[in-house]
Every structure is written in structure tokens, then in C-alpha cells.
Amino acid sequence: MMAPLDKKPVPTIRDLYPNLTEKELAAAEDNLERYLALVLRIYERIQADPESYAHFRALTEKIRAVSCKLSGSNALPDANANNPS
């Protein structure tokens, strides 16, 4: 039997933004929930269409090749470098 994984506590909106009022915290939490619901709806729609899903997979595979390592340059990489037109 495997030992349970040590899980770090997930930060709350309150942890991230301790200076927000209760009303602002409630609005921020609502906005986050709505955003996550939208992302899920988009993903479910793409996954339901094999052609769209194949395109999505191809795009996300290309993104994995992008490195966040610092280079000798301060310039940001071209956002279209993975998808030349």
C-alpha cells in the first residue's frame, strides 16, 4: 500500500488578497467560479468534436516545447513562433 502524498494547502482567494473586503472576496470567488465554468464548457465543446480536439491537442503539444528558461536576451519570444502563418 502506498503512503499518502503530502499535500500542500491550496491558497484561498483570502490568502492571495488579504486586503479585500468580504464583498470584494465574494465577487472575486464568484468571478473565479464563472471563469472556471467557462473554461470547462470550452474544453467539453472542443473534446466533443474530434476535429476541434485534434487541433487543440496539436496546439497544446506545440506549447509544451516553449521554455521558460532565461536566455541571454531580455526580449520575449514571438507569440506566433509555434504557429507560423
PDB file of N, CA and C in Angstrom:
ATOM      1  N   MET A   1       0.839  -1.178   0.000  1.00  0.00           N
ATOM      2  CA  MET A   1       0.000   0.000   0.000  1.00  0.00           C
ATOM      3  C   MET A   1       0.884   1.241   0.000  1.00  0.00           C
ATOM      4  N   MET A   2       0.530   2.218  -0.834  1.00  0.00           N
ATOM      5  CA  MET A   2       1.328   3.428  -0.958  1.00  0.00           C
ATOM      6  C   MET A   2       1.021   4.383   0.185  1.00  0.00           C
ATOM      7  N   ALA A   3       2.050   5.099   0.615  1.00  0.00           N
ATOM      8  CA  ALA A   3       1.866   6.108   1.656  1.00  0.00           C
ATOM      9  C   ALA A   3       1.140   7.309   1.065  1.00  0.00           C
ATOM     10  N   PRO A   4       0.289   7.976   1.855  1.00  0.00           N
ATOM     11  CA  PRO A   4      -0.416   9.154   1.328  1.00  0.00           C
ATOM     12  C   PRO A   4       0.580  10.258   0.968  1.00  0.00           C
ATOM     13  N   LEU A   5       0.251  10.963  -0.090  1.00  0.00           N
ATOM     14  CA  LEU A   5       1.104  12.069  -0.524  1.00  0.00           C
ATOM     15  C   LEU A   5       0.921  13.256   0.404  1.00  0.00           C
ATOM     16  N   ASP A   6       2.017  13.924   0.689  1.00  0.00           N
ATOM     17  CA  ASP A   6       1.920  15.154   1.468  1.00  0.00           C
ATOM     18  C   ASP A   6       1.419  16.246   0.544  1.00  0.00           C
ATOM     19  N   LYS A   7       0.255  16.774   0.849  1.00  0.00           N
ATOM     20  CA  LYS A   7      -0.325  17.812   0.009  1.00  0.00           C
ATOM     21  C   LYS A   7      -0.167  19.157   0.683  1.00  0.00           C
ATOM     22  N   LYS A   8       0.261  20.131  -0.102  1.00  0.00           N
ATOM     23  CA  LYS A   8       0.346  21.495   0.398  1.00  0.00           C
ATOM     24  C   LYS A   8      -1.052  22.090   0.409  1.00  0.00           C
ATOM     25  N   PRO A   9      -1.344  22.917   1.394  1.00  0.00           N
ATOM     26  CA  PRO A   9      -2.680  23.537   1.395  1.00  0.00           C
ATOM     27  C   PRO A   9      -2.846  24.453   0.181  1.00  0.00           C
ATOM     28  N   VAL A  10      -4.018  24.415  -0.390  1.00  0.00           N
ATOM     29  CA  VAL A  10      -4.328  25.247  -1.547  1.00  0.00           C
ATOM     30  C   VAL A  10      -4.650  26.653  -1.039  1.00  0.00           C
ATOM     31  N   PRO A  11      -4.008  27.673  -1.602  1.00  0.00           N
ATOM     32  CA  PRO A  11      -4.314  29.030  -1.137  1.00  0.00           C
ATOM     33  C   PRO A  11      -5.733  29.440  -1.517  1.00  0.00           C
ATOM     34  N   THR A  12      -6.358  30.173  -0.656  1.00  0.00           N
ATOM     35  CA  THR A  12      -7.693  30.697  -0.927  1.00  0.00           C
ATOM     36  C   THR A  12      -7.572  32.100  -1.507  1.00  0.00           C
ATOM     37  N   ILE A  13      -8.680  32.603  -2.013  1.00  0.00           N
ATOM     38  CA  ILE A  13      -8.696  33.990  -2.507  1.00  0.00           C
ATOM     39  C   ILE A  13      -8.294  34.925  -1.366  1.00  0.00           C
ATOM     40  N   ARG A  14      -8.766  34.625  -0.156  1.00  0.00           N
ATOM     41  CA  ARG A  14      -8.431  35.444   1.022  1.00  0.00           C
ATOM     42  C   ARG A  14      -6.923  35.430   1.286  1.00  0.00           C
ATOM     43  N   ASP A  15      -6.285  34.260   1.106  1.00  0.00           N
ATOM     44  CA  ASP A  15      -4.835  34.163   1.291  1.00  0.00           C
ATOM     45  C   ASP A  15      -4.096  35.015   0.260  1.00  0.00           C
ATOM     46  N   LEU A  16      -4.596  34.984  -0.969  1.00  0.00           N
ATOM     47  CA  LEU A  16      -3.934  35.716  -2.050  1.00  0.00           C
ATOM     48  C   LEU A  16      -4.167  37.215  -1.980  1.00  0.00           C
ATOM     49  N   TYR A  17      -5.356  37.600  -1.504  1.00  0.00           N
ATOM     50  CA  TYR A  17      -5.734  39.019  -1.447  1.00  0.00           C
ATOM     51  C   TYR A  17      -6.281  39.349  -0.061  1.00  0.00           C
ATOM     52  N   PRO A  18      -5.412  39.404   0.937  1.00  0.00           N
ATOM     53  CA  PRO A  18      -5.878  39.590   2.314  1.00  0.00           C
ATOM     54  C   PRO A  18      -6.516  40.951   2.592  1.00  0.00           C
ATOM     55  N   ASN A  19      -6.301  41.919   1.731  1.00  0.00           N
ATOM     56  CA  ASN A  19      -6.832  43.267   1.979  1.00  0.00           C
ATOM     57  C   ASN A  19      -8.213  43.499   1.371  1.00  0.00           C
ATOM     58  N   LEU A  20      -8.773  42.505   0.691  1.00  0.00           N
ATOM     59  CA  LEU A  20     -10.099  42.674   0.109  1.00  0.00           C
ATOM     60  C   LEU A  20     -11.170  42.627   1.207  1.00  0.00           C
ATOM     61  N   THR A  21     -12.235  43.363   0.976  1.00  0.00           N
ATOM     62  CA  THR A  21     -13.370  43.319   1.900  1.00  0.00           C
ATOM     63  C   THR A  21     -14.134  42.020   1.666  1.00  0.00           C
ATOM     64  N   GLU A  22     -15.068  41.706   2.551  1.00  0.00           N
ATOM     65  CA  GLU A  22     -15.883  40.499   2.377  1.00  0.00           C
ATOM     66  C   GLU A  22     -16.642  40.538   1.050  1.00  0.00           C
ATOM     67  N   LYS A  23     -17.159  41.717   0.705  1.00  0.00           N
ATOM     68  CA  LYS A  23     -17.900  41.863  -0.546  1.00  0.00           C
ATOM     69  C   LYS A  23     -16.976  41.643  -1.746  1.00  0.00           C
ATOM     70  N   GLU A  24     -15.770  42.199  -1.690  1.00  0.00           N
ATOM     71  CA  GLU A  24     -14.809  42.020  -2.781  1.00  0.00           C
ATOM     72  C   GLU A  24     -14.363  40.566  -2.884  1.00  0.00           C
ATOM     73  N   LEU A  25     -14.164  39.899  -1.729  1.00  0.00           N
ATOM     74  CA  LEU A  25     -13.793  38.480  -1.740  1.00  0.00           C
ATOM     75  C   LEU A  25     -14.890  37.634  -2.382  1.00  0.00           C
ATOM     76  N   ALA A  26     -16.138  37.922  -2.030  1.00  0.00           N
ATOM     77  CA  ALA A  26     -17.260  37.179  -2.607  1.00  0.00           C
ATOM     78  C   ALA A  26     -17.313  37.382  -4.117  1.00  0.00           C
ATOM     79  N   ALA A  27     -17.100  38.609  -4.570  1.00  0.00           N
ATOM     80  CA  ALA A  27     -17.113  38.893  -6.010  1.00  0.00           C
ATOM     81  C   ALA A  27     -15.951  38.184  -6.709  1.00  0.00           C
ATOM     82  N   ALA A  28     -14.770  38.189  -6.090  1.00  0.00           N
ATOM     83  CA  ALA A  28     -13.606  37.528  -6.681  1.00  0.00           C
ATOM     84  C   ALA A  28     -13.835  36.021  -6.781  1.00  0.00           C
ATOM     85  N   GLU A  29     -14.397  35.423  -5.736  1.00  0.00           N
ATOM     86  CA  GLU A  29     -14.678  33.990  -5.763  1.00  0.00           C
ATOM     87  C   GLU A  29     -15.723  33.657  -6.831  1.00  0.00           C
ATOM     88  N   ASP A  30     -16.747  34.499  -6.953  1.00  0.00           N
ATOM     89  CA  ASP A  30     -17.768  34.292  -7.980  1.00  0.00           C
ATOM     90  C   ASP A  30     -17.153  34.394  -9.373  1.00  0.00           C
ATOM     91  N   ASN A  31     -16.306  35.391  -9.575  1.00  0.00           N
ATOM     92  CA  ASN A  31     -15.649  35.561 -10.881  1.00  0.00           C
ATOM     93  C   ASN A  31     -14.780  34.351 -11.218  1.00  0.00           C
ATOM     94  N   LEU A  32     -14.052  33.840 -10.230  1.00  0.00           N
ATOM     95  CA  LEU A  32     -13.197  32.671 -10.462  1.00  0.00           C
ATOM     96  C   LEU A  32     -14.050  31.450 -10.824  1.00  0.00           C
ATOM     97  N   GLU A  33     -15.141  31.233 -10.094  1.00  0.00           N
ATOM     98  CA  GLU A  33     -16.017  30.106 -10.397  1.00  0.00           C
ATOM     99  C   GLU A  33     -16.608  30.217 -11.798  1.00  0.00           C
ATOM    100  N   ARG A  34     -17.037  31.419 -12.186  1.00  0.00           N
ATOM    101  CA  ARG A  34     -17.598  31.607 -13.527  1.00  0.00           C
ATOM    102  C   ARG A  34     -16.541  31.379 -14.592  1.00  0.00           C
ATOM    103  N   TYR A  35     -15.312  31.854 -14.356  1.00  0.00           N
ATOM    104  CA  TYR A  35     -14.216  31.660 -15.302  1.00  0.00           C
ATOM    105  C   TYR A  35     -13.918  30.166 -15.469  1.00  0.00           C
ATOM    106  N   LEU A  36     -13.820  29.443 -14.359  1.00  0.00           N
ATOM    107  CA  LEU A  36     -13.530  28.013 -14.442  1.00  0.00           C
ATOM    108  C   LEU A  36     -14.657  27.252 -15.131  1.00  0.00           C
ATOM    109  N   ALA A  37     -15.901  27.649 -14.903  1.00  0.00           N
ATOM    110  CA  ALA A  37     -17.034  27.021 -15.586  1.00  0.00           C
ATOM    111  C   ALA A  37     -16.947  27.265 -17.091  1.00  0.00           C
ATOM    112  N   LEU A  38     -16.553  28.472 -17.489  1.00  0.00           N
ATOM    113  CA  LEU A  38     -16.396  28.793 -18.909  1.00  0.00           C
ATOM    114  C   LEU A  38     -15.292  27.949 -19.533  1.00  0.00           C
ATOM    115  N   VAL A  39     -14.158  27.847 -18.850  1.00  0.00           N
ATOM    116  CA  VAL A  39     -13.048  27.041 -19.365  1.00  0.00           C
ATOM    117  C   VAL A  39     -13.490  25.592 -19.543  1.00  0.00           C
ATOM    118  N   LEU A  40     -14.218  25.062 -18.574  1.00  0.00           N
ATOM    119  CA  LEU A  40     -14.705  23.691 -18.676  1.00  0.00           C
ATOM    120  C   LEU A  40     -15.670  23.533 -19.850  1.00  0.00           C
ATOM    121  N   ARG A  41     -16.574  24.490 -20.039  1.00  0.00           N
ATOM    122  CA  ARG A  41     -17.510  24.422 -21.174  1.00  0.00           C
ATOM    123  C   ARG A  41     -16.761  24.447 -22.503  1.00  0.00           C
ATOM    124  N   ILE A  42     -15.743  25.292 -22.605  1.00  0.00           N
ATOM    125  CA  ILE A  42     -14.946  25.364 -23.841  1.00  0.00           C
ATOM    126  C   ILE A  42     -14.257  24.022 -24.085  1.00  0.00           C
ATOM    127  N   TYR A  43     -13.636  23.472 -23.045  1.00  0.00           N
ATOM    128  CA  TYR A  43     -12.941  22.200 -23.199  1.00  0.00           C
ATOM    129  C   TYR A  43     -13.907  21.087 -23.582  1.00  0.00           C
ATOM    130  N   GLU A  44     -15.055  21.023 -22.922  1.00  0.00           N
ATOM    131  CA  GLU A  44     -16.034  19.974 -23.237  1.00  0.00           C
ATOM    132  C   GLU A  44     -16.531  20.089 -24.674  1.00  0.00           C
ATOM    133  N   ARG A  45     -16.724  21.318 -25.160  1.00  0.00           N
ATOM    134  CA  ARG A  45     -17.156  21.510 -26.534  1.00  0.00           C
ATOM    135  C   ARG A  45     -16.079  21.064 -27.512  1.00  0.00           C
ATOM    136  N   ILE A  46     -14.837  21.418 -27.230  1.00  0.00           N
ATOM    137  CA  ILE A  46     -13.730  21.013 -28.103  1.00  0.00           C
ATOM    138  C   ILE A  46     -13.559  19.496 -28.083  1.00  0.00           C
ATOM    139  N   GLN A  47     -13.657  18.909 -26.912  1.00  0.00           N
ATOM    140  CA  GLN A  47     -13.470  17.465 -26.790  1.00  0.00           C
ATOM    141  C   GLN A  47     -14.575  16.692 -27.504  1.00  0.00           C
ATOM    142  N   ALA A  48     -15.767  17.245 -27.582  1.00  0.00           N
ATOM    143  CA  ALA A  48     -16.889  16.574 -28.233  1.00  0.00           C
ATOM    144  C   ALA A  48     -16.764  16.555 -29.757  1.00  0.00           C
ATOM    145  N   ASP A  49     -15.925  17.411 -30.324  1.00  0.00           N
ATOM    146  CA  ASP A  49     -15.739  17.492 -31.773  1.00  0.00           C
ATOM    147  C   ASP A  49     -14.343  16.957 -32.106  1.00  0.00           C
ATOM    148  N   PRO A  50     -14.248  15.769 -32.699  1.00  0.00           N
ATOM    149  CA  PRO A  50     -12.936  15.160 -32.957  1.00  0.00           C
ATOM    150  C   PRO A  50     -11.968  16.063 -33.732  1.00  0.00           C
ATOM    151  N   GLU A  51     -12.468  16.793 -34.712  1.00  0.00           N
ATOM    152  CA  GLU A  51     -11.583  17.672 -35.486  1.00  0.00           C
ATOM    153  C   GLU A  51     -11.054  18.816 -34.623  1.00  0.00           C
ATOM    154  N   SER A  52     -11.935  19.440 -33.852  1.00  0.00           N
ATOM    155  CA  SER A  52     -11.510  20.520 -32.958  1.00  0.00           C
ATOM    156  C   SER A  52     -10.563  19.997 -31.896  1.00  0.00           C
ATOM    157  N   TYR A  53     -10.845  18.795 -31.381  1.00  0.00           N
ATOM    158  CA  TYR A  53      -9.991  18.230 -30.341  1.00  0.00           C
ATOM    159  C   TYR A  53      -8.599  17.919 -30.883  1.00  0.00           C
ATOM    160  N   ALA A  54      -8.526  17.409 -32.097  1.00  0.00           N
ATOM    161  CA  ALA A  54      -7.214  17.131 -32.715  1.00  0.00           C
ATOM    162  C   ALA A  54      -6.429  18.432 -32.884  1.00  0.00           C
ATOM    163  N   HIS A  55      -7.116  19.497 -33.294  1.00  0.00           N
ATOM    164  CA  HIS A  55      -6.460  20.798 -33.446  1.00  0.00           C
ATOM    165  C   HIS A  55      -5.989  21.317 -32.080  1.00  0.00           C
ATOM    166  N   PHE A  56      -6.836  21.192 -31.069  1.00  0.00           N
ATOM    167  CA  PHE A  56      -6.484  21.594 -29.703  1.00  0.00           C
ATOM    168  C   PHE A  56      -5.254  20.833 -29.221  1.00  0.00           C
ATOM    169  N   ARG A  57      -5.246  19.515 -29.412  1.00  0.00           N
ATOM    170  CA  ARG A  57      -4.096  18.704 -28.985  1.00  0.00           C
ATOM    171  C   ARG A  57      -2.820  19.124 -29.702  1.00  0.00           C
ATOM    172  N   ALA A  58      -2.934  19.392 -31.010  1.00  0.00           N
ATOM    173  CA  ALA A  58      -1.759  19.821 -31.767  1.00  0.00           C
ATOM    174  C   ALA A  58      -1.223  21.140 -31.229  1.00  0.00           C
ATOM    175  N   LEU A  59      -2.116  22.063 -30.914  1.00  0.00           N
ATOM    176  CA  LEU A  59      -1.681  23.358 -30.384  1.00  0.00           C
ATOM    177  C   LEU A  59      -1.038  23.215 -29.020  1.00  0.00           C
ATOM    178  N   THR A  60      -1.620  22.405 -28.153  1.00  0.00           N
ATOM    179  CA  THR A  60      -1.062  22.268 -26.807  1.00  0.00           C
ATOM    180  C   THR A  60       0.234  21.479 -26.821  1.00  0.00           C
ATOM    181  N   GLU A  61       0.407  20.571 -27.755  1.00  0.00           N
ATOM    182  CA  GLU A  61       1.680  19.871 -27.877  1.00  0.00           C
ATOM    183  C   GLU A  61       2.784  20.858 -28.238  1.00  0.00           C
ATOM    184  N   LYS A  62       2.491  21.800 -29.125  1.00  0.00           N
ATOM    185  CA  LYS A  62       3.480  22.800 -29.511  1.00  0.00           C
ATOM    186  C   LYS A  62       3.852  23.678 -28.330  1.00  0.00           C
ATOM    187  N   ILE A  63       2.894  23.990 -27.494  1.00  0.00           N
ATOM    188  CA  ILE A  63       3.152  24.853 -26.341  1.00  0.00           C
ATOM    189  C   ILE A  63       4.124  24.190 -25.374  1.00  0.00           C
ATOM    190  N   ARG A  64       4.072  22.875 -25.253  1.00  0.00           N
ATOM    191  CA  ARG A  64       4.978  22.167 -24.344  1.00  0.00           C
ATOM    192  C   ARG A  64       6.437  22.376 -24.714  1.00  0.00           C
ATOM    193  N   ALA A  65       6.715  22.697 -25.966  1.00  0.00           N
ATOM    194  CA  ALA A  65       8.086  22.897 -26.416  1.00  0.00           C
ATOM    195  C   ALA A  65       8.619  24.264 -26.013  1.00  0.00           C
ATOM    196  N   VAL A  66       7.748  25.165 -25.571  1.00  0.00           N
ATOM    197  CA  VAL A  66       8.174  26.503 -25.174  1.00  0.00           C
ATOM    198  C   VAL A  66       8.878  26.414 -23.835  1.00  0.00           C
ATOM    199  N   SER A  67      10.004  27.067 -23.715  1.00  0.00           N
ATOM    200  CA  SER A  67      10.789  27.032 -22.497  1.00  0.00           C
ATOM    201  C   SER A  67      10.626  28.329 -21.712  1.00  0.00           C
ATOM    202  N   CYS A  68      10.630  28.206 -20.420  1.00  0.00           N
ATOM    203  CA  CYS A  68      10.567  29.386 -19.555  1.00  0.00           C
ATOM    204  C   CYS A  68      11.948  29.729 -19.022  1.00  0.00           C
ATOM    205  N   LYS A  69      12.966  29.040 -19.508  1.00  0.00           N
ATOM    206  CA  LYS A  69      14.323  29.294 -19.042  1.00  0.00           C
ATOM    207  C   LYS A  69      14.795  30.645 -19.561  1.00  0.00           C
ATOM    208  N   LEU A  70      15.585  31.321 -18.728  1.00  0.00           N
ATOM    209  CA  LEU A  70      16.121  32.618 -19.114  1.00  0.00           C
ATOM    210  C   LEU A  70      17.164  32.451 -20.207  1.00  0.00           C
ATOM    211  N   SER A  71      17.143  33.376 -21.123  1.00  0.00           N
ATOM    212  CA  SER A  71      18.154  33.383 -22.167  1.00  0.00           C
ATOM    213  C   SER A  71      19.027  34.611 -21.957  1.00  0.00           C
ATOM    214  N   GLY A  72      19.972  34.815 -22.834  1.00  0.00           N
ATOM    215  CA  GLY A  72      20.842  35.973 -22.731  1.00  0.00           C
ATOM    216  C   GLY A  72      20.148  37.258 -23.151  1.00  0.00           C
ATOM    217  N   SER A  73      18.948  37.149 -23.686  1.00  0.00           N
ATOM    218  CA  SER A  73      18.222  38.302 -24.195  1.00  0.00           C
ATOM    219  C   SER A  73      17.061  38.646 -23.279  1.00  0.00           C
ATOM    220  N   ASN A  74      16.732  39.931 -23.206  1.00  0.00           N
ATOM    221  CA  ASN A  74      15.569  40.366 -22.448  1.00  0.00           C
ATOM    222  C   ASN A  74      14.307  40.352 -23.298  1.00  0.00           C
ATOM    223  N   ALA A  75      14.448  40.075 -24.588  1.00  0.00           N
ATOM    224  CA  ALA A  75      13.298  40.088 -25.492  1.00  0.00           C
ATOM    225  C   ALA A  75      12.430  38.863 -25.242  1.00  0.00           C
ATOM    226  N   LEU A  76      11.137  39.056 -25.326  1.00  0.00           N
ATOM    227  CA  LEU A  76      10.204  37.949 -25.199  1.00  0.00           C
ATOM    228  C   LEU A  76      10.139  37.208 -26.527  1.00  0.00           C
ATOM    229  N   PRO A  77       9.920  35.880 -26.492  1.00  0.00           N
ATOM    230  CA  PRO A  77       9.812  35.141 -27.746  1.00  0.00           C
ATOM    231  C   PRO A  77       8.563  35.560 -28.501  1.00  0.00           C
ATOM    232  N   ASP A  78       8.602  35.398 -29.799  1.00  0.00           N
ATOM    233  CA  ASP A  78       7.457  35.716 -30.645  1.00  0.00           C
ATOM    234  C   ASP A  78       6.301  34.805 -30.290  1.00  0.00           C
ATOM    235  N   ALA A  79       5.151  35.383 -29.989  1.00  0.00           N
ATOM    236  CA  ALA A  79       3.977  34.606 -29.587  1.00  0.00           C
ATOM    237  C   ALA A  79       3.521  33.673 -30.696  1.00  0.00           C
ATOM    238  N   ASN A  80       3.864  33.971 -31.942  1.00  0.00           N
ATOM    239  CA  ASN A  80       3.439  33.145 -33.073  1.00  0.00           C
ATOM    240  C   ASN A  80       4.520  32.181 -33.526  1.00  0.00           C
ATOM    241  N   ALA A  81       5.587  32.049 -32.756  1.00  0.00           N
ATOM    242  CA  ALA A  81       6.702  31.196 -33.168  1.00  0.00           C
ATOM    243  C   ALA A  81       6.286  29.740 -33.315  1.00  0.00           C
ATOM    244  N   ASN A  82       5.284  29.297 -32.544  1.00  0.00           N
ATOM    245  CA  ASN A  82       4.843  27.913 -32.630  1.00  0.00           C
ATOM    246  C   ASN A  82       3.815  27.687 -33.714  1.00  0.00           C
ATOM    247  N   ASN A  83       3.311  28.745 -34.293  1.00  0.00           N
ATOM    248  CA  ASN A  83       2.267  28.609 -35.293  1.00  0.00           C
ATOM    249  C   ASN A  83       2.515  29.603 -36.430  1.00  0.00           C
ATOM    250  N   PRO A  84       3.589  29.364 -37.207  1.00  0.00           N
ATOM    251  CA  PRO A  84       3.879  30.300 -38.296  1.00  0.00           C
ATOM    252  C   PRO A  84       2.761  30.329 -39.326  1.00  0.00           C
ATOM    253  N   SER A  85       2.453  31.518 -39.797  1.00  0.00           N
ATOM    254  CA  SER A  85       1.366  31.665 -40.784  1.00  0.00           C
ATOM    255  C   SER A  85       1.916  31.774 -42.176  1.00  0.00           C
TER     256      SER A  85
END
